[in-house]
C-alpha atoms as a PDB file:
ATOM      1  CA  MET A   1     225.137 172.946  -4.356  1.00  0.00           C
ATOM      2  CA  LEU A   2     222.170 171.398  -7.045  1.00  0.00           C
ATOM      3  CA  THR A   3     221.797 168.446  -4.748  1.00  0.00           C
ATOM      4  CA  ASP A   4     221.749 170.546  -1.616  1.00  0.00           C
ATOM      5  CA  ILE A   5     218.711 172.458  -2.947  1.00  0.00           C
ATOM      6  CA  LEU A   6     217.390 169.328  -4.105  1.00  0.00           C
ATOM      7  CA  ALA A   7     217.872 167.480  -0.915  1.00  0.00           C
ATOM      8  CA  LEU A   8     216.385 170.583   1.195  1.00  0.00           C
ATOM      9  CA  GLY A   9     213.514 170.835  -1.230  1.00  0.00           C
ATOM     10  CA  LEU A  10     212.775 167.321  -0.697  1.00  0.00           C
ATOM     11  CA  ALA A  11     213.129 167.535   3.385  1.00  0.00           C
ATOM     12  CA  TRP A  12     210.580 170.457   2.799  1.00  0.00           C
ATOM     13  CA  PHE A  13     208.187 168.621   1.022  1.00  0.00           C
ATOM     14  CA  ALA A  14     208.254 165.686   3.243  1.00  0.00           C
ATOM     15  CA  THR A  15     207.612 168.030   6.371  1.00  0.00           C
ATOM     16  CA  THR A  16     204.407 169.705   4.899  1.00  0.00           C
ATOM     17  CA  ARG A  17     203.413 166.177   3.738  1.00  0.00           C
ATOM     18  CA  ALA A  18     203.800 164.740   6.304  1.00  0.00           C
ATOM     19  CA  GLU A  19     201.699 167.713   8.953  1.00  0.00           C
ATOM     20  CA  ARG A  20     198.540 166.867   6.848  1.00  0.00           C
ATOM     21  CA  PRO A  21     196.331 165.138   9.385  1.00  0.00           C
ATOM     22  CA  ALA A  22     194.916 161.608   9.212  1.00  0.00           C
ATOM     23  CA  ASP A  23     192.175 160.954   7.179  1.00  0.00           C
ATOM     24  CA  ALA A  24     190.128 158.168   5.847  1.00  0.00           C
ATOM     25  CA  SER A  25     192.805 155.942   3.840  1.00  0.00           C
ATOM     26  CA  LYS A  26     195.912 157.154   5.996  1.00  0.00           C
ATOM     27  CA  THR A  27     194.724 156.416   9.449  1.00  0.00           C
ATOM     28  CA  TYR A  28     198.634 156.826  10.666  1.00  0.00           C
ATOM     29  CA  GLY A  29     198.491 160.083   8.909  1.00  0.00           C
ATOM     30  CA  TYR A  30     201.687 160.870   6.503  1.00  0.00           C
ATOM     31  CA  HIS A  31     204.368 160.787   8.977  1.00  0.00           C
ATOM     32  CA  ARG A  32     206.117 158.136   6.690  1.00  0.00           C
ATOM     33  CA  THR A  33     206.845 160.878   4.242  1.00  0.00           C
ATOM     34  CA  GLY A  34     209.347 162.104   6.303  1.00  0.00           C
ATOM     35  CA  ILE A  35     211.581 158.895   6.831  1.00  0.00           C
ATOM     36  CA  LEU A  36     210.956 158.410   3.140  1.00  0.00           C
ATOM     37  CA  ALA A  37     212.709 161.023   2.131  1.00  0.00           C
ATOM     38  CA  ALA A  38     215.224 161.070   4.398  1.00  0.00           C
ATOM     39  CA  PHE A  39     216.016 157.188   2.681  1.00  0.00           C
ATOM     40  CA  ALA A  40     216.051 158.679  -0.252  1.00  0.00           C
ATOM     41  CA  ASN A  41     218.611 161.311   0.459  1.00  0.00           C
ATOM     42  CA  ALA A  42     220.576 158.763   2.455  1.00  0.00           C
ATOM     43  CA  ALA A  43     220.497 156.447  -0.490  1.00  0.00           C
ATOM     44  CA  THR A  44     221.456 159.576  -3.025  1.00  0.00           C
ATOM     45  CA  LEU A  45     224.530 160.458  -0.707  1.00  0.00           C
ATOM     46  CA  ILE A  46     225.718 157.050  -0.901  1.00  0.00           C
ATOM     47  CA  VAL A  47     225.458 156.847  -4.800  1.00  0.00           C
ATOM     48  CA  MET A  48     227.538 160.219  -4.917  1.00  0.00           C
ATOM     49  CA  VAL A  49     229.801 158.933  -2.883  1.00  0.00           C
ATOM     50  CA  LEU A  50     230.348 155.968  -4.573  1.00  0.00           C
ATOM     51  CA  ALA A  51     230.468 157.611  -7.854  1.00  0.00           C
ATOM     52  CA  ARG A  52     233.130 159.921  -6.447  1.00  0.00           C
ATOM     53  CA  ARG A  53     234.961 157.226  -5.551  1.00  0.00           C
ATOM     54  CA  LYS A  54     234.960 155.620  -8.240  1.00  0.00           C
ATOM     55  CA  ARG A  55     236.000 158.198 -10.559  1.00  0.00           C
ATOM     56  CA  ARG A  56     239.160 158.982  -8.043  1.00  0.00           C
ATOM     57  CA  ILE A  57     240.517 154.785  -8.256  1.00  0.00           C
ATOM     58  CA  ALA A  58     239.698 155.021 -12.006  1.00  0.00           C
ATOM     59  CA  GLY A  59     241.570 158.444 -12.911  1.00  0.00           C
ATOM     60  CA  PRO A  60     245.388 158.860 -12.671  1.00  0.00           C
ATOM     61  CA  LEU A  61     247.335 159.353  -9.571  1.00  0.00           C
ATOM     62  CA  ASN A  62     248.339 163.019  -8.528  1.00  0.00           C
ATOM     63  CA  SER A  63     251.955 162.438  -7.036  1.00  0.00           C
ATOM     64  CA  THR A  64     251.616 165.966  -5.256  1.00  0.00           C
ATOM     65  CA  ALA A  65     248.848 165.070  -3.965  1.00  0.00           C
ATOM     66  CA  LEU A  66     249.752 161.636  -2.838  1.00  0.00           C
ATOM     67  CA  ARG A  67     253.098 163.192  -1.185  1.00  0.00           C
ATOM     68  CA  GLY A  68     250.983 166.092   1.422  1.00  0.00           C
ATOM     69  CA  ARG A  69     249.114 163.101   2.526  1.00  0.00           C
ATOM     70  CA  MET A  70     251.833 160.974   3.383  1.00  0.00           C
ATOM     71  CA  ARG A  71     253.856 164.332   5.244  1.00  0.00           C
ATOM     72  CA  SER A  72     251.560 164.017   8.297  1.00  0.00           C
ATOM     73  CA  PRO A  73     252.046 160.024   8.982  1.00  0.00           C
ATOM     74  CA  ALA A  74     255.930 160.456   8.085  1.00  0.00           C
ATOM     75  CA  VAL A  75     256.212 163.368  10.675  1.00  0.00           C
ATOM     76  CA  GLY A  76     254.203 161.995  13.231  1.00  0.00           C
ATOM     77  CA  CYS A  77     256.282 158.337  12.689  1.00  0.00           C
ATOM     78  CA  ALA A  78     259.447 160.211  13.092  1.00  0.00           C
ATOM     79  CA  TRP A  79     258.277 162.181  16.178  1.00  0.00           C
ATOM     80  CA  ARG A  80     257.543 159.300  18.280  1.00  0.00           C
ATOM     81  CA  GLY A  81     259.859 156.779  16.893  1.00  0.00           C
ATOM     82  CA  TRP A  82     258.250 153.998  14.341  1.00  0.00           C
ATOM     83  CA  GLY A  83     257.525 151.207  16.391  1.00  0.00           C
ATOM     84  CA  SER A  84     259.127 152.677  20.246  1.00  0.00           C
ATOM     85  CA  PRO A  85     258.210 149.535  22.076  1.00  0.00           C
ATOM     86  CA  THR A  86     260.351 150.338  25.348  1.00  0.00           C
ATOM     87  CA  ARG A  87     258.160 153.584  25.168  1.00  0.00           C
ATOM     88  CA  ALA A  88     254.844 151.168  25.330  1.00  0.00           C
ATOM     89  CA  SER A  89     255.957 148.514  27.582  1.00  0.00           C
ATOM     90  CA  SER A  90     257.716 151.539  29.876  1.00  0.00           C
ATOM     91  CA  ALA A  91     254.203 153.270  30.238  1.00  0.00           C
ATOM     92  CA  MET A  92     252.482 149.708  30.621  1.00  0.00           C
ATOM     93  CA  ARG A  93     254.220 148.799  33.939  1.00  0.00           C
ATOM     94  CA  ALA A  94     254.065 152.711  35.336  1.00  0.00           C
ATOM     95  CA  SER A  95     250.038 152.315  35.019  1.00  0.00           C
ATOM     96  CA  PRO A  96     248.346 150.374  37.905  1.00  0.00           C
ATOM     97  CA  ARG A  97     246.570 147.059  37.762  1.00  0.00           C
ATOM     98  CA  LEU A  98     243.642 146.470  38.688  1.00  0.00           C
END
């Protein structure tokens, strides 16, 4: 939540700064501020994701969450058949060749 507020504050700052007209030192204006703010937001997001990922990898394995994540692929494989080469080959034979 705090990071969202900081990202919105940085975006607001960049927007108000980019609306300033060009002057003698900044002949193209301040539009680059918005690009730099977007880069800073993206870099912050990447750092946060990597830090969270590192914490999850280094932490203990939660077996109940793992069982829940494996349930959906197991149901899908049981429903469609593990490899099911006969269905795939028959579907390929039925399709017209161009």
